[in-house]
């Protein structure tokens, strides 16, 4: 469902039909397929974490910021996306400044920060995998009783963790 922004000059947030959003050709940033794919993976798992920004147009809305998020939503065949809608009286220059500021003011990760975040993400996924493996193990007839179950449950990380997690801990 597409709703109109309020006329009181405030930025509002609404769910907007993807079909109502137009991307104008004068974008400052090109779409990177790898970024769209990565965002789509994240959005499939966690949903949209940051709304896109739109400006009202004669027919629907023009994208101001969030092209990669929009393309990721389209690749997932979403019908609607959450958007912050600039006030109806926002002129073209103010919309362009919103696009520029969103891209310039973002705190990009340094190489070291990227490595730290990636390692922590892998660690969390390994914990989740280990927990799930133990749950499945407890349901498995082969290990319901006997020394195999006791052995695995006594040292689950040794038996259930993927090899690459062990290599992360040893380096």
N, C-alpha and C. Protein backbone atom coordinates (compact mmCIF):
# COMPACT_ATOMS: atom_id res chain seq x y z
N UNK A 1 0.85 -1.18 0.00
CA UNK A 1 0.00 0.00 0.00
C UNK A 1 0.89 1.24 0.00
N UNK A 2 0.56 2.19 -0.82
CA UNK A 2 1.31 3.44 -0.89
C UNK A 2 0.48 4.52 -0.22
N UNK A 3 1.11 5.24 0.68
CA UNK A 3 0.43 6.34 1.36
C UNK A 3 1.12 7.64 1.01
N UNK A 4 0.39 8.71 1.07
CA UNK A 4 0.98 10.03 0.79
C UNK A 4 1.60 10.59 2.04
N UNK A 5 2.70 11.31 1.88
CA UNK A 5 3.30 11.95 3.05
C UNK A 5 2.38 13.05 3.57
N UNK A 6 2.56 13.37 4.82
CA UNK A 6 1.74 14.43 5.40
C UNK A 6 2.18 15.77 4.82
N UNK A 7 1.33 16.75 4.92
CA UNK A 7 1.63 18.07 4.38
C UNK A 7 2.23 19.01 5.43
N UNK A 8 2.57 18.48 6.60
CA UNK A 8 3.06 19.36 7.66
C UNK A 8 4.56 19.59 7.62
N UNK A 9 5.25 19.12 6.59
CA UNK A 9 6.68 19.35 6.45
C UNK A 9 7.55 18.36 7.19
N UNK A 10 6.96 17.34 7.79
CA UNK A 10 7.75 16.35 8.53
C UNK A 10 8.13 15.17 7.63
N UNK A 11 9.26 14.57 7.95
CA UNK A 11 9.64 13.33 7.28
C UNK A 11 8.81 12.22 7.89
N UNK A 12 8.18 11.43 7.05
CA UNK A 12 7.34 10.33 7.53
C UNK A 12 7.90 9.00 7.04
N UNK A 13 7.49 7.94 7.68
CA UNK A 13 7.93 6.62 7.29
C UNK A 13 6.70 5.79 6.92
N UNK A 14 6.76 5.15 5.75
CA UNK A 14 5.65 4.35 5.25
C UNK A 14 6.16 3.14 4.49
N UNK A 15 5.30 2.15 4.35
CA UNK A 15 5.57 1.05 3.44
C UNK A 15 5.08 1.48 2.06
N UNK A 16 5.94 1.36 1.06
CA UNK A 16 5.65 1.86 -0.29
C UNK A 16 5.76 0.72 -1.29
N UNK A 17 4.84 0.68 -2.25
CA UNK A 17 4.91 -0.29 -3.33
C UNK A 17 6.17 -0.05 -4.15
N UNK A 18 6.93 -1.11 -4.40
CA UNK A 18 8.15 -0.96 -5.21
C UNK A 18 7.83 -0.42 -6.60
N UNK A 19 6.68 -0.80 -7.14
CA UNK A 19 6.31 -0.35 -8.48
C UNK A 19 6.09 1.16 -8.54
N UNK A 20 5.87 1.79 -7.40
CA UNK A 20 5.62 3.24 -7.37
C UNK A 20 6.91 4.05 -7.28
N UNK A 21 8.06 3.36 -7.24
CA UNK A 21 9.34 4.06 -7.05
C UNK A 21 10.09 4.14 -8.38
N UNK A 22 10.47 5.36 -8.75
CA UNK A 22 11.26 5.59 -9.96
C UNK A 22 12.67 5.99 -9.55
N UNK A 23 13.64 5.42 -10.26
CA UNK A 23 15.04 5.79 -10.05
C UNK A 23 15.44 6.68 -11.22
N UNK A 24 15.75 7.92 -10.93
CA UNK A 24 16.12 8.86 -11.99
C UNK A 24 17.53 8.52 -12.51
N UNK A 25 17.80 8.83 -13.77
CA UNK A 25 19.07 8.43 -14.38
C UNK A 25 20.29 9.22 -13.91
N UNK A 26 20.11 10.30 -13.18
CA UNK A 26 21.25 11.14 -12.80
C UNK A 26 21.85 10.79 -11.44
N UNK A 27 21.82 9.51 -11.07
CA UNK A 27 22.37 9.07 -9.79
C UNK A 27 23.89 9.30 -9.75
N UNK A 28 24.39 9.66 -8.59
CA UNK A 28 25.82 9.91 -8.44
C UNK A 28 26.62 8.61 -8.27
N UNK A 29 25.97 7.59 -7.81
CA UNK A 29 26.66 6.33 -7.51
C UNK A 29 26.08 5.22 -8.37
N UNK A 30 26.96 4.42 -8.93
CA UNK A 30 26.55 3.28 -9.74
C UNK A 30 26.18 2.11 -8.84
N UNK A 31 25.29 1.27 -9.32
CA UNK A 31 24.90 0.07 -8.58
C UNK A 31 26.01 -0.97 -8.74
N UNK A 32 26.40 -1.55 -7.61
CA UNK A 32 27.39 -2.63 -7.64
C UNK A 32 26.66 -3.94 -7.35
N UNK A 33 26.74 -4.87 -8.29
CA UNK A 33 26.02 -6.14 -8.18
C UNK A 33 26.40 -6.91 -6.92
N UNK A 34 27.68 -6.88 -6.55
CA UNK A 34 28.11 -7.62 -5.35
C UNK A 34 27.49 -7.04 -4.09
N UNK A 35 27.31 -5.73 -4.06
CA UNK A 35 26.69 -5.08 -2.91
C UNK A 35 25.21 -5.44 -2.84
N UNK A 36 24.55 -5.45 -3.99
CA UNK A 36 23.12 -5.83 -4.04
C UNK A 36 22.95 -7.26 -3.55
N UNK A 37 23.80 -8.16 -4.01
CA UNK A 37 23.72 -9.57 -3.61
C UNK A 37 23.93 -9.71 -2.11
N UNK A 38 24.94 -9.04 -1.58
CA UNK A 38 25.23 -9.10 -0.15
C UNK A 38 24.06 -8.55 0.67
N UNK A 39 23.53 -7.41 0.25
CA UNK A 39 22.39 -6.82 0.95
C UNK A 39 21.17 -7.72 0.87
N UNK A 40 20.93 -8.32 -0.29
CA UNK A 40 19.79 -9.22 -0.45
C UNK A 40 19.90 -10.40 0.51
N UNK A 41 21.09 -10.95 0.65
CA UNK A 41 21.30 -12.04 1.60
C UNK A 41 20.95 -11.60 3.01
N UNK A 42 21.43 -10.43 3.39
CA UNK A 42 21.16 -9.89 4.72
C UNK A 42 19.67 -9.60 4.90
N UNK A 43 19.05 -8.98 3.91
CA UNK A 43 17.64 -8.62 4.01
C UNK A 43 16.75 -9.86 4.04
N UNK A 44 17.17 -10.91 3.36
CA UNK A 44 16.40 -12.16 3.38
C UNK A 44 16.40 -12.73 4.80
N UNK A 45 17.53 -12.62 5.46
CA UNK A 45 17.67 -13.20 6.80
C UNK A 45 17.15 -12.28 7.89
N UNK A 46 17.41 -10.98 7.78
CA UNK A 46 17.11 -10.06 8.87
C UNK A 46 16.08 -8.97 8.55
N UNK A 47 15.70 -8.86 7.29
CA UNK A 47 14.79 -7.80 6.90
C UNK A 47 15.54 -6.50 6.61
N UNK A 48 14.81 -5.49 6.24
CA UNK A 48 15.41 -4.18 5.96
C UNK A 48 15.70 -3.49 7.28
N UNK A 49 16.96 -3.12 7.51
CA UNK A 49 17.32 -2.51 8.78
C UNK A 49 17.31 -0.98 8.72
N UNK A 50 17.45 -0.44 7.53
CA UNK A 50 17.46 1.01 7.37
C UNK A 50 16.57 1.37 6.19
N UNK A 51 15.51 2.15 6.41
CA UNK A 51 14.61 2.49 5.30
C UNK A 51 15.32 3.28 4.20
N UNK A 52 14.82 3.14 2.98
CA UNK A 52 15.31 3.97 1.88
C UNK A 52 14.69 5.36 2.03
N UNK A 53 15.14 6.32 1.25
CA UNK A 53 14.61 7.68 1.31
C UNK A 53 14.01 8.02 -0.04
N UNK A 54 12.78 8.54 -0.01
CA UNK A 54 12.04 8.88 -1.23
C UNK A 54 11.57 10.32 -1.17
N UNK A 55 11.24 10.83 -2.36
CA UNK A 55 10.63 12.15 -2.49
C UNK A 55 9.37 11.97 -3.32
N UNK A 56 8.30 12.62 -2.93
CA UNK A 56 7.05 12.53 -3.68
C UNK A 56 7.23 13.08 -5.08
N UNK A 57 6.58 12.43 -6.04
CA UNK A 57 6.62 12.87 -7.43
C UNK A 57 5.18 12.92 -7.94
N UNK A 58 4.99 13.45 -9.13
CA UNK A 58 3.65 13.54 -9.71
C UNK A 58 2.99 12.15 -9.77
N UNK A 59 3.78 11.16 -10.13
CA UNK A 59 3.27 9.79 -10.14
C UNK A 59 4.19 8.93 -9.28
N UNK A 60 3.81 8.71 -8.06
CA UNK A 60 4.59 7.87 -7.17
C UNK A 60 5.69 8.61 -6.46
N UNK A 61 6.89 8.00 -6.46
CA UNK A 61 8.01 8.54 -5.70
C UNK A 61 9.29 8.44 -6.51
N UNK A 62 10.22 9.35 -6.22
CA UNK A 62 11.58 9.29 -6.79
C UNK A 62 12.51 8.85 -5.67
N UNK A 63 13.44 7.96 -6.00
CA UNK A 63 14.43 7.51 -5.02
C UNK A 63 15.41 8.64 -4.74
N UNK A 64 15.66 8.89 -3.47
CA UNK A 64 16.66 9.87 -3.06
C UNK A 64 17.92 9.13 -2.60
N UNK A 65 17.76 8.15 -1.72
CA UNK A 65 18.91 7.40 -1.20
C UNK A 65 18.47 5.97 -0.89
N UNK A 66 19.40 5.04 -1.15
CA UNK A 66 19.11 3.64 -0.84
C UNK A 66 18.96 2.76 -2.07
N UNK A 67 19.68 3.11 -3.14
CA UNK A 67 19.53 2.35 -4.40
C UNK A 67 19.91 0.88 -4.23
N UNK A 68 20.98 0.59 -3.52
CA UNK A 68 21.37 -0.81 -3.33
C UNK A 68 20.31 -1.58 -2.54
N UNK A 69 19.73 -0.94 -1.52
CA UNK A 69 18.65 -1.58 -0.75
C UNK A 69 17.42 -1.81 -1.62
N UNK A 70 17.10 -0.82 -2.46
CA UNK A 70 15.96 -0.96 -3.36
C UNK A 70 16.17 -2.12 -4.34
N UNK A 71 17.35 -2.19 -4.93
CA UNK A 71 17.63 -3.26 -5.90
C UNK A 71 17.67 -4.62 -5.21
N UNK A 72 18.15 -4.66 -3.97
CA UNK A 72 18.13 -5.92 -3.22
C UNK A 72 16.70 -6.37 -2.96
N UNK A 73 15.84 -5.43 -2.59
CA UNK A 73 14.42 -5.76 -2.37
C UNK A 73 13.78 -6.27 -3.66
N UNK A 74 14.10 -5.63 -4.77
CA UNK A 74 13.58 -6.09 -6.07
C UNK A 74 14.08 -7.49 -6.39
N UNK A 75 15.34 -7.76 -6.10
CA UNK A 75 15.89 -9.09 -6.40
C UNK A 75 15.23 -10.17 -5.55
N UNK A 76 14.71 -9.78 -4.39
CA UNK A 76 14.00 -10.72 -3.51
C UNK A 76 12.51 -10.81 -3.84
N UNK A 77 12.10 -10.06 -4.87
CA UNK A 77 10.69 -10.02 -5.30
C UNK A 77 9.76 -9.47 -4.22
N UNK A 78 10.28 -8.54 -3.42
CA UNK A 78 9.41 -7.89 -2.44
C UNK A 78 8.42 -7.01 -3.20
N UNK A 79 7.26 -6.86 -2.64
CA UNK A 79 6.25 -5.98 -3.23
C UNK A 79 6.29 -4.58 -2.62
N UNK A 80 6.69 -4.51 -1.35
CA UNK A 80 6.75 -3.21 -0.65
C UNK A 80 8.09 -3.08 0.06
N UNK A 81 8.43 -1.84 0.38
CA UNK A 81 9.65 -1.55 1.13
C UNK A 81 9.36 -0.37 2.05
N UNK A 82 10.00 -0.38 3.21
CA UNK A 82 9.84 0.73 4.15
C UNK A 82 10.70 1.90 3.68
N UNK A 83 10.09 3.08 3.69
CA UNK A 83 10.79 4.26 3.19
C UNK A 83 10.51 5.47 4.07
N UNK A 84 11.54 6.30 4.20
CA UNK A 84 11.36 7.62 4.80
C UNK A 84 11.01 8.53 3.63
N UNK A 85 9.93 9.26 3.78
CA UNK A 85 9.47 10.13 2.69
C UNK A 85 9.68 11.58 3.09
N UNK A 86 10.47 12.25 2.26
CA UNK A 86 10.75 13.66 2.51
C UNK A 86 9.48 14.48 2.33
N UNK A 87 9.39 15.62 2.98
CA UNK A 87 8.19 16.46 2.85
C UNK A 87 7.91 16.81 1.39
N UNK A 88 6.66 17.01 1.08
CA UNK A 88 6.22 17.27 -0.29
C UNK A 88 6.91 18.50 -0.89
N UNK A 89 7.30 19.46 -0.04
CA UNK A 89 7.91 20.68 -0.57
C UNK A 89 9.44 20.59 -0.69
N UNK A 90 10.03 19.39 -0.55
CA UNK A 90 11.47 19.23 -0.69
C UNK A 90 11.87 19.47 -2.13
N UNK A 91 12.78 20.42 -2.34
CA UNK A 91 13.18 20.69 -3.73
C UNK A 91 14.28 19.73 -4.18
N UNK A 92 14.61 19.79 -5.45
CA UNK A 92 15.57 18.87 -6.05
C UNK A 92 16.95 18.97 -5.40
N UNK A 93 17.39 20.19 -5.09
CA UNK A 93 18.70 20.35 -4.47
C UNK A 93 18.76 19.77 -3.06
N UNK A 94 17.70 19.94 -2.29
CA UNK A 94 17.67 19.37 -0.95
C UNK A 94 17.64 17.84 -1.01
N UNK A 95 16.93 17.30 -1.98
CA UNK A 95 16.90 15.85 -2.16
C UNK A 95 18.30 15.34 -2.54
N UNK A 96 18.97 16.08 -3.41
CA UNK A 96 20.32 15.69 -3.83
C UNK A 96 21.29 15.75 -2.64
N UNK A 97 21.16 16.77 -1.79
CA UNK A 97 22.00 16.87 -0.60
C UNK A 97 21.73 15.69 0.35
N UNK A 98 20.49 15.24 0.46
CA UNK A 98 20.17 14.08 1.30
C UNK A 98 20.88 12.83 0.76
N UNK A 99 20.89 12.67 -0.56
CA UNK A 99 21.60 11.54 -1.18
C UNK A 99 23.10 11.63 -0.89
N UNK A 100 23.67 12.79 -1.07
CA UNK A 100 25.10 12.98 -0.87
C UNK A 100 25.47 12.74 0.59
N UNK A 101 24.70 13.35 1.50
CA UNK A 101 25.01 13.20 2.92
C UNK A 101 24.91 11.75 3.38
N UNK A 102 23.90 11.02 2.91
CA UNK A 102 23.80 9.62 3.33
C UNK A 102 25.04 8.84 2.92
N UNK A 103 25.56 9.11 1.75
CA UNK A 103 26.73 8.38 1.28
C UNK A 103 28.03 8.89 1.89
N UNK A 104 28.15 10.18 2.11
CA UNK A 104 29.39 10.72 2.68
C UNK A 104 29.50 10.55 4.19
N UNK A 105 28.39 10.61 4.90
CA UNK A 105 28.42 10.60 6.36
C UNK A 105 28.44 9.20 6.95
N UNK A 106 28.26 8.20 6.11
CA UNK A 106 28.29 6.82 6.60
C UNK A 106 29.69 6.50 7.11
N UNK A 107 29.77 5.82 8.22
CA UNK A 107 31.07 5.44 8.78
C UNK A 107 31.48 4.09 8.18
N UNK A 108 32.25 4.14 7.11
CA UNK A 108 32.73 2.91 6.49
C UNK A 108 33.72 2.23 7.42
N UNK A 109 33.78 0.92 7.37
CA UNK A 109 34.70 0.17 8.21
C UNK A 109 36.11 0.24 7.66
N UNK A 110 37.06 0.35 8.56
CA UNK A 110 38.45 0.23 8.14
C UNK A 110 38.72 -1.25 7.84
N UNK A 111 39.85 -1.55 7.24
CA UNK A 111 40.20 -2.94 6.95
C UNK A 111 40.25 -3.75 8.24
N UNK A 112 40.84 -3.19 9.28
CA UNK A 112 40.93 -3.90 10.57
C UNK A 112 39.54 -4.12 11.17
N UNK A 113 38.69 -3.09 11.13
CA UNK A 113 37.33 -3.24 11.65
C UNK A 113 36.55 -4.29 10.87
N UNK A 114 36.73 -4.29 9.55
CA UNK A 114 36.05 -5.28 8.71
C UNK A 114 36.47 -6.69 9.12
N UNK A 115 37.76 -6.89 9.38
CA UNK A 115 38.26 -8.20 9.80
C UNK A 115 37.67 -8.59 11.16
N UNK A 116 37.59 -7.64 12.08
CA UNK A 116 37.04 -7.92 13.41
C UNK A 116 35.56 -8.30 13.30
N UNK A 117 34.79 -7.52 12.53
CA UNK A 117 33.36 -7.80 12.36
C UNK A 117 33.15 -9.15 11.67
N UNK A 118 33.96 -9.46 10.67
CA UNK A 118 33.84 -10.73 9.95
C UNK A 118 34.16 -11.90 10.87
N UNK A 119 35.21 -11.79 11.65
CA UNK A 119 35.57 -12.87 12.58
C UNK A 119 34.48 -13.07 13.62
N UNK A 120 33.93 -11.99 14.14
CA UNK A 120 32.87 -12.11 15.15
C UNK A 120 31.60 -12.72 14.53
N UNK A 121 31.29 -12.36 13.30
CA UNK A 121 30.13 -12.95 12.61
C UNK A 121 30.33 -14.45 12.44
N UNK A 122 31.52 -14.86 12.04
CA UNK A 122 31.83 -16.29 11.89
C UNK A 122 31.73 -17.01 13.23
N UNK A 123 32.24 -16.38 14.30
CA UNK A 123 32.19 -16.99 15.62
C UNK A 123 30.74 -17.22 16.06
N UNK A 124 29.89 -16.21 15.85
CA UNK A 124 28.48 -16.33 16.25
C UNK A 124 27.79 -17.42 15.44
N UNK A 125 28.05 -17.45 14.14
CA UNK A 125 27.43 -18.50 13.32
C UNK A 125 27.93 -19.88 13.73
N UNK A 126 29.19 -20.00 14.11
CA UNK A 126 29.71 -21.28 14.57
C UNK A 126 29.03 -21.72 15.87
N UNK A 127 28.81 -20.78 16.78
CA UNK A 127 28.08 -21.09 18.02
C UNK A 127 26.67 -21.57 17.71
N UNK A 128 26.01 -20.86 16.79
CA UNK A 128 24.64 -21.26 16.42
C UNK A 128 24.64 -22.65 15.79
N UNK A 129 25.63 -22.92 14.95
CA UNK A 129 25.75 -24.23 14.31
C UNK A 129 25.99 -25.32 15.36
N UNK A 130 26.86 -25.03 16.30
CA UNK A 130 27.15 -25.99 17.36
C UNK A 130 25.90 -26.29 18.18
N UNK A 131 25.16 -25.25 18.56
CA UNK A 131 23.93 -25.41 19.34
C UNK A 131 22.90 -26.23 18.57
N UNK A 132 22.74 -25.92 17.28
CA UNK A 132 21.81 -26.66 16.45
C UNK A 132 22.25 -28.11 16.30
N UNK A 133 23.54 -28.32 16.11
CA UNK A 133 24.06 -29.68 15.98
C UNK A 133 23.80 -30.48 17.23
N UNK A 134 23.98 -29.88 18.40
CA UNK A 134 23.71 -30.59 19.65
C UNK A 134 22.22 -30.94 19.77
N UNK A 135 21.36 -30.01 19.36
CA UNK A 135 19.92 -30.30 19.41
C UNK A 135 19.57 -31.47 18.49
N UNK A 136 20.14 -31.47 17.31
CA UNK A 136 19.90 -32.57 16.39
C UNK A 136 20.50 -33.87 16.91
N UNK A 137 21.66 -33.77 17.51
CA UNK A 137 22.33 -34.93 18.07
C UNK A 137 21.45 -35.59 19.13
N UNK A 138 20.83 -34.78 19.96
CA UNK A 138 19.98 -35.32 21.03
C UNK A 138 18.74 -36.01 20.49
N UNK A 139 18.33 -35.68 19.28
CA UNK A 139 17.16 -36.32 18.67
C UNK A 139 17.53 -37.56 17.85
N UNK A 140 18.80 -37.72 17.57
CA UNK A 140 19.26 -38.80 16.71
C UNK A 140 19.27 -40.13 17.46
N UNK A 141 18.66 -41.17 16.87
CA UNK A 141 18.58 -42.49 17.51
C UNK A 141 19.97 -43.07 17.76
N UNK A 142 20.90 -42.90 16.84
CA UNK A 142 22.23 -43.49 16.95
C UNK A 142 22.95 -43.02 18.20
N UNK A 143 22.68 -41.77 18.61
CA UNK A 143 23.40 -41.22 19.75
C UNK A 143 22.53 -41.05 20.98
N UNK A 144 21.30 -41.60 20.98
CA UNK A 144 20.43 -41.46 22.14
C UNK A 144 21.09 -42.02 23.40
N UNK A 145 21.80 -43.12 23.24
CA UNK A 145 22.48 -43.73 24.38
C UNK A 145 23.89 -44.11 23.94
N UNK A 146 24.67 -44.44 24.89
CA UNK A 146 25.97 -44.99 24.54
C UNK A 146 27.10 -43.99 24.62
N UNK A 147 28.29 -44.51 24.37
CA UNK A 147 29.49 -43.69 24.54
C UNK A 147 29.62 -42.58 23.50
N UNK A 148 29.03 -42.74 22.29
CA UNK A 148 29.17 -41.69 21.28
C UNK A 148 28.57 -40.38 21.78
N UNK A 149 27.36 -40.46 22.33
CA UNK A 149 26.70 -39.25 22.81
C UNK A 149 27.48 -38.61 23.95
N UNK A 150 27.92 -39.40 24.90
CA UNK A 150 28.68 -38.87 26.04
C UNK A 150 29.96 -38.21 25.56
N UNK A 151 30.62 -38.84 24.60
CA UNK A 151 31.87 -38.30 24.09
C UNK A 151 31.63 -36.95 23.40
N UNK A 152 30.62 -36.89 22.56
CA UNK A 152 30.36 -35.65 21.81
C UNK A 152 29.87 -34.55 22.74
N UNK A 153 28.97 -34.88 23.66
CA UNK A 153 28.44 -33.86 24.56
C UNK A 153 29.49 -33.35 25.55
N UNK A 154 30.51 -34.16 25.85
CA UNK A 154 31.54 -33.71 26.78
C UNK A 154 32.45 -32.66 26.15
N UNK A 155 32.66 -32.73 24.83
CA UNK A 155 33.52 -31.77 24.13
C UNK A 155 32.89 -31.43 22.77
N UNK A 156 31.72 -30.76 22.79
CA UNK A 156 31.02 -30.53 21.52
C UNK A 156 31.81 -29.69 20.52
N UNK A 157 32.56 -28.71 21.01
CA UNK A 157 33.28 -27.86 20.05
C UNK A 157 34.34 -28.65 19.31
N UNK A 158 34.90 -29.65 19.95
CA UNK A 158 35.92 -30.46 19.31
C UNK A 158 35.33 -31.34 18.21
N UNK A 159 34.11 -31.81 18.41
CA UNK A 159 33.50 -32.76 17.47
C UNK A 159 32.53 -32.11 16.48
N UNK A 160 31.93 -30.99 16.86
CA UNK A 160 30.87 -30.42 16.03
C UNK A 160 31.24 -29.14 15.31
N UNK A 161 32.27 -28.46 15.75
CA UNK A 161 32.65 -27.21 15.10
C UNK A 161 33.30 -27.47 13.76
N UNK A 162 32.99 -26.65 12.78
CA UNK A 162 33.66 -26.80 11.48
C UNK A 162 35.16 -26.56 11.63
N UNK A 163 35.94 -27.16 10.78
CA UNK A 163 37.40 -27.06 10.84
C UNK A 163 37.89 -25.62 10.77
N UNK A 164 37.19 -24.76 9.99
CA UNK A 164 37.68 -23.41 9.81
C UNK A 164 37.54 -22.57 11.07
N UNK A 165 36.62 -22.93 11.98
CA UNK A 165 36.52 -22.20 13.24
C UNK A 165 37.73 -22.50 14.12
N UNK A 166 38.13 -23.76 14.16
CA UNK A 166 39.32 -24.13 14.93
C UNK A 166 40.54 -23.38 14.42
N UNK A 167 40.64 -23.22 13.11
CA UNK A 167 41.79 -22.51 12.56
C UNK A 167 41.75 -21.02 12.90
N UNK A 168 40.56 -20.44 13.06
CA UNK A 168 40.46 -19.05 13.47
C UNK A 168 40.99 -18.88 14.90
N UNK A 169 40.65 -19.83 15.77
CA UNK A 169 41.05 -19.73 17.17
C UNK A 169 42.53 -19.95 17.35
N UNK A 170 43.16 -20.72 16.47
CA UNK A 170 44.57 -21.03 16.64
C UNK A 170 45.50 -19.97 16.05
N UNK A 171 44.95 -19.05 15.24
CA UNK A 171 45.83 -18.03 14.64
C UNK A 171 45.89 -16.78 15.44
